Every structure is written in C-alpha cells, then in structure tokens.
Amino acid sequence: MVYKNSQTKWIISLCFFILCTLSLSMFHTRLSTILYIIFNSIFLIGCLFTLLKILKNIRKMIKEIRTNNLKLQTIFETTDIAIWYHNIKKMNC
C-alpha cells in the first residue's frame, strides 16, 4: 500500500506499537519476565521514535505555514493597487 501522506504512515506505525504493547500486557503471564521486559522496551522505543518523528513533521509543517502566512501578508501590505473589484451596479439593486 502506497501512502500519499508520510504523516499517515507514522500514525499507523505508532498505533501498531501501542497495540503491540497492549497485547503484550495482556499476555505477560505466559512470557518469562526477561522476554516481557525486552519486548516491552522494544515497543516503547518504537512508540517514542514514531512520536518524535510525528512531532518533527508537525513542527516542519507549522514553520512552513508561518512562512507562507508572512509571505502572503507582505504581498497584501506592499501592493499599491486595488486587488478587489467591486461591482457597484449589482450592490445597488
């Protein structure tokens, strides 16, 4: 399956790690203590890695939105001519 948005891939992998951790917690009595600790730490590291990746992507998107907002604001502040066209005949009817 090809994901168009990379954010979706990271959210799905985060959900996968969380579900693995929850299922491991339910069946921890059948595993030895050392195996439980190893699997739990692997899933925890996976959760933390994907969460940090998602937060990094969100920060990048926020930065892009702010720069685009500033560019748009400077365009409207620096133009001397009127951009909007008002049809007064239709407004008076």
N, C-alpha and C. Protein backbone atom coordinates (compact mmCIF):
# COMPACT_ATOMS: atom_id res chain seq x y z
N MET A 1 0.84 -1.18 0.00
CA MET A 1 0.00 0.00 0.00
C MET A 1 0.89 1.24 0.00
N VAL A 2 0.62 2.15 -0.91
CA VAL A 2 1.40 3.37 -1.02
C VAL A 2 0.66 4.48 -0.28
N TYR A 3 1.38 5.17 0.59
CA TYR A 3 0.78 6.26 1.34
C TYR A 3 1.17 7.58 0.69
N LYS A 4 0.17 8.40 0.40
CA LYS A 4 0.45 9.71 -0.18
C LYS A 4 1.01 10.66 0.86
N ASN A 5 0.57 10.50 2.07
CA ASN A 5 0.99 11.39 3.14
C ASN A 5 1.90 10.61 4.09
N SER A 6 3.08 11.11 4.30
CA SER A 6 4.01 10.41 5.18
C SER A 6 3.55 10.44 6.63
N GLN A 7 2.74 11.41 6.98
CA GLN A 7 2.22 11.51 8.34
C GLN A 7 1.34 10.31 8.66
N THR A 8 0.58 9.85 7.69
CA THR A 8 -0.30 8.70 7.89
C THR A 8 0.50 7.45 8.22
N LYS A 9 1.62 7.28 7.55
CA LYS A 9 2.47 6.11 7.80
C LYS A 9 2.98 6.11 9.23
N TRP A 10 3.39 7.27 9.73
CA TRP A 10 3.91 7.34 11.10
C TRP A 10 2.80 7.15 12.13
N ILE A 11 1.61 7.64 11.85
CA ILE A 11 0.49 7.46 12.78
C ILE A 11 0.09 5.99 12.84
N ILE A 12 0.08 5.32 11.69
CA ILE A 12 -0.24 3.89 11.66
C ILE A 12 0.81 3.08 12.41
N SER A 13 2.09 3.44 12.23
CA SER A 13 3.12 2.69 12.95
C SER A 13 3.06 2.96 14.46
N LEU A 14 2.69 4.17 14.85
CA LEU A 14 2.52 4.46 16.28
C LEU A 14 1.38 3.63 16.85
N CYS A 15 0.27 3.55 16.13
CA CYS A 15 -0.85 2.72 16.59
C CYS A 15 -0.45 1.25 16.67
N PHE A 16 0.36 0.79 15.72
CA PHE A 16 0.84 -0.58 15.74
C PHE A 16 1.66 -0.87 17.00
N PHE A 17 2.59 0.03 17.32
CA PHE A 17 3.42 -0.18 18.51
C PHE A 17 2.58 -0.13 19.79
N ILE A 18 1.60 0.75 19.84
CA ILE A 18 0.74 0.83 21.02
C ILE A 18 -0.09 -0.45 21.17
N LEU A 19 -0.63 -0.95 20.05
CA LEU A 19 -1.40 -2.18 20.12
C LEU A 19 -0.53 -3.38 20.50
N CYS A 20 0.69 -3.39 20.01
CA CYS A 20 1.61 -4.48 20.40
C CYS A 20 1.91 -4.42 21.89
N THR A 21 2.10 -3.22 22.41
CA THR A 21 2.36 -3.08 23.84
C THR A 21 1.16 -3.51 24.67
N LEU A 22 -0.04 -3.14 24.21
CA LEU A 22 -1.24 -3.54 24.94
C LEU A 22 -1.45 -5.05 24.89
N SER A 23 -1.23 -5.65 23.73
CA SER A 23 -1.41 -7.10 23.64
C SER A 23 -0.34 -7.84 24.45
N LEU A 24 0.85 -7.26 24.51
CA LEU A 24 1.91 -7.86 25.33
C LEU A 24 1.55 -7.78 26.80
N SER A 25 0.91 -6.68 27.19
CA SER A 25 0.50 -6.54 28.59
C SER A 25 -0.59 -7.54 28.97
N MET A 26 -1.44 -7.88 28.01
CA MET A 26 -2.50 -8.84 28.31
C MET A 26 -1.95 -10.25 28.48
N PHE A 27 -0.92 -10.59 27.73
CA PHE A 27 -0.39 -11.95 27.76
C PHE A 27 0.96 -12.05 28.46
N HIS A 28 1.24 -11.14 29.37
CA HIS A 28 2.55 -11.15 30.02
C HIS A 28 2.74 -12.33 30.97
N THR A 29 1.66 -12.95 31.42
CA THR A 29 1.81 -14.10 32.32
C THR A 29 2.35 -15.33 31.61
N ARG A 30 2.16 -15.40 30.30
CA ARG A 30 2.64 -16.55 29.54
C ARG A 30 4.11 -16.42 29.14
N LEU A 31 4.66 -15.22 29.24
CA LEU A 31 6.06 -15.00 28.88
C LEU A 31 6.93 -14.94 30.13
N SER A 32 8.20 -15.18 29.94
CA SER A 32 9.11 -15.02 31.07
C SER A 32 9.33 -13.52 31.31
N THR A 33 9.81 -13.19 32.47
CA THR A 33 10.00 -11.79 32.85
C THR A 33 11.01 -11.09 31.95
N ILE A 34 12.09 -11.77 31.62
CA ILE A 34 13.13 -11.16 30.79
C ILE A 34 12.60 -10.89 29.38
N LEU A 35 11.86 -11.85 28.81
CA LEU A 35 11.29 -11.65 27.49
C LEU A 35 10.27 -10.52 27.50
N TYR A 36 9.48 -10.45 28.55
CA TYR A 36 8.48 -9.38 28.67
C TYR A 36 9.17 -8.01 28.71
N ILE A 37 10.23 -7.89 29.49
CA ILE A 37 10.94 -6.62 29.59
C ILE A 37 11.58 -6.25 28.25
N ILE A 38 12.16 -7.23 27.57
CA ILE A 38 12.80 -6.96 26.28
C ILE A 38 11.78 -6.50 25.25
N PHE A 39 10.67 -7.25 25.10
CA PHE A 39 9.65 -6.86 24.13
C PHE A 39 9.01 -5.53 24.48
N ASN A 40 8.75 -5.32 25.76
CA ASN A 40 8.12 -4.07 26.17
C ASN A 40 9.04 -2.88 25.90
N SER A 41 10.34 -3.04 26.14
CA SER A 41 11.26 -1.94 25.88
C SER A 41 11.40 -1.68 24.39
N ILE A 42 11.38 -2.74 23.57
CA ILE A 42 11.44 -2.55 22.10
C ILE A 42 10.21 -1.78 21.62
N PHE A 43 9.03 -2.17 22.08
CA PHE A 43 7.82 -1.48 21.66
C PHE A 43 7.78 -0.05 22.20
N LEU A 44 8.30 0.18 23.39
CA LEU A 44 8.34 1.52 23.95
C LEU A 44 9.28 2.42 23.14
N ILE A 45 10.43 1.90 22.77
CA ILE A 45 11.36 2.67 21.95
C ILE A 45 10.74 2.97 20.59
N GLY A 46 10.03 1.99 20.01
CA GLY A 46 9.34 2.22 18.74
C GLY A 46 8.28 3.30 18.86
N CYS A 47 7.52 3.28 19.96
CA CYS A 47 6.50 4.31 20.18
C CYS A 47 7.13 5.69 20.31
N LEU A 48 8.19 5.77 21.08
CA LEU A 48 8.84 7.07 21.27
C LEU A 48 9.45 7.59 19.97
N PHE A 49 10.06 6.70 19.18
CA PHE A 49 10.65 7.12 17.92
C PHE A 49 9.60 7.65 16.95
N THR A 50 8.49 6.92 16.81
CA THR A 50 7.45 7.38 15.89
C THR A 50 6.78 8.64 16.39
N LEU A 51 6.60 8.78 17.69
CA LEU A 51 6.01 10.00 18.24
C LEU A 51 6.92 11.20 17.99
N LEU A 52 8.22 11.02 18.18
CA LEU A 52 9.14 12.12 17.90
C LEU A 52 9.17 12.46 16.42
N LYS A 53 9.05 11.48 15.56
CA LYS A 53 9.02 11.72 14.12
C LYS A 53 7.77 12.51 13.74
N ILE A 54 6.63 12.15 14.33
CA ILE A 54 5.38 12.87 14.06
C ILE A 54 5.50 14.32 14.54
N LEU A 55 6.05 14.52 15.73
CA LEU A 55 6.20 15.88 16.25
C LEU A 55 7.16 16.70 15.39
N LYS A 56 8.20 16.08 14.87
CA LYS A 56 9.14 16.77 13.99
C LYS A 56 8.44 17.21 12.70
N ASN A 57 7.62 16.32 12.14
CA ASN A 57 6.87 16.68 10.93
C ASN A 57 5.86 17.79 11.19
N ILE A 58 5.24 17.76 12.36
CA ILE A 58 4.28 18.81 12.71
C ILE A 58 4.99 20.15 12.85
N ARG A 59 6.17 20.15 13.49
CA ARG A 59 6.93 21.40 13.62
C ARG A 59 7.32 21.93 12.25
N LYS A 60 7.70 21.04 11.34
CA LYS A 60 8.08 21.47 9.99
C LYS A 60 6.88 22.09 9.26
N MET A 61 5.70 21.46 9.42
CA MET A 61 4.51 22.00 8.77
C MET A 61 4.11 23.35 9.36
N ILE A 62 4.25 23.50 10.67
CA ILE A 62 3.92 24.78 11.30
C ILE A 62 4.87 25.87 10.81
N LYS A 63 6.13 25.54 10.67
CA LYS A 63 7.10 26.51 10.17
C LYS A 63 6.77 26.92 8.74
N GLU A 64 6.39 25.96 7.89
CA GLU A 64 6.02 26.28 6.52
C GLU A 64 4.78 27.15 6.47
N ILE A 65 3.81 26.85 7.33
CA ILE A 65 2.58 27.65 7.36
C ILE A 65 2.88 29.07 7.80
N ARG A 66 3.74 29.24 8.79
CA ARG A 66 4.09 30.59 9.25
C ARG A 66 4.81 31.39 8.18
N THR A 67 5.75 30.74 7.48
CA THR A 67 6.46 31.47 6.42
C THR A 67 5.53 31.82 5.28
N ASN A 68 4.63 30.92 4.90
CA ASN A 68 3.66 31.23 3.85
C ASN A 68 2.70 32.34 4.28
N ASN A 69 2.34 32.33 5.55
CA ASN A 69 1.47 33.37 6.07
C ASN A 69 2.16 34.74 6.02
N LEU A 70 3.43 34.78 6.40
CA LEU A 70 4.17 36.03 6.33
C LEU A 70 4.33 36.51 4.90
N LYS A 71 4.61 35.60 3.97
CA LYS A 71 4.73 35.98 2.56
C LYS A 71 3.43 36.55 2.04
N LEU A 72 2.32 35.91 2.38
CA LEU A 72 1.02 36.40 1.94
C LEU A 72 0.70 37.75 2.55
N GLN A 73 1.03 37.92 3.80
CA GLN A 73 0.78 39.19 4.47
C GLN A 73 1.61 40.31 3.85
N THR A 74 2.85 40.05 3.53
CA THR A 74 3.68 41.09 2.91
C THR A 74 3.21 41.42 1.50
N ILE A 75 2.65 40.44 0.80
CA ILE A 75 2.10 40.73 -0.53
C ILE A 75 0.95 41.72 -0.42
N PHE A 76 0.04 41.51 0.53
CA PHE A 76 -1.10 42.41 0.67
C PHE A 76 -0.69 43.77 1.23
N GLU A 77 0.35 43.82 2.03
CA GLU A 77 0.78 45.10 2.60
C GLU A 77 1.57 45.94 1.61
N THR A 78 2.28 45.32 0.67
CA THR A 78 3.14 46.08 -0.22
C THR A 78 2.50 46.44 -1.55
N THR A 79 1.34 45.88 -1.88
CA THR A 79 0.72 46.24 -3.16
C THR A 79 0.03 47.58 -3.03
N ASP A 80 0.23 48.41 -4.05
CA ASP A 80 -0.36 49.75 -4.05
C ASP A 80 -1.69 49.79 -4.79
N ILE A 81 -1.90 48.87 -5.71
CA ILE A 81 -3.14 48.90 -6.48
C ILE A 81 -4.20 48.05 -5.79
N ALA A 82 -5.43 48.37 -6.11
CA ALA A 82 -6.54 47.62 -5.51
C ALA A 82 -6.65 46.25 -6.18
N ILE A 83 -6.70 45.24 -5.39
CA ILE A 83 -6.79 43.88 -5.91
C ILE A 83 -8.25 43.49 -6.12
N TRP A 84 -9.11 43.96 -5.25
CA TRP A 84 -10.50 43.54 -5.29
C TRP A 84 -11.30 44.43 -6.24
N TYR A 85 -12.20 43.81 -6.96
CA TYR A 85 -13.06 44.53 -7.91
C TYR A 85 -14.48 44.47 -7.36
N HIS A 86 -15.09 45.61 -7.16
CA HIS A 86 -16.44 45.69 -6.64
C HIS A 86 -17.37 46.12 -7.76
N ASN A 87 -18.42 45.39 -7.95
CA ASN A 87 -19.43 45.74 -8.93
C ASN A 87 -20.52 46.50 -8.21
N ILE A 88 -20.49 47.82 -8.34
CA ILE A 88 -21.41 48.69 -7.61
C ILE A 88 -22.81 48.58 -8.16
N LYS A 89 -22.96 48.30 -9.45
CA LYS A 89 -24.31 48.20 -10.03
C LYS A 89 -25.08 47.05 -9.40
N LYS A 90 -24.44 45.93 -9.16
CA LYS A 90 -25.13 44.80 -8.56
C LYS A 90 -25.41 45.03 -7.08
N MET A 91 -24.58 45.82 -6.43
CA MET A 91 -24.76 46.06 -5.00
C MET A 91 -25.93 47.02 -4.75
N ASN A 92 -26.23 47.94 -5.69
CA ASN A 92 -27.29 48.93 -5.51
C ASN A 92 -28.67 48.37 -5.82
N CYS A 93 -28.78 47.25 -6.49
CA CYS A 93 -30.08 46.70 -6.88
C CYS A 93 -30.88 46.23 -5.75
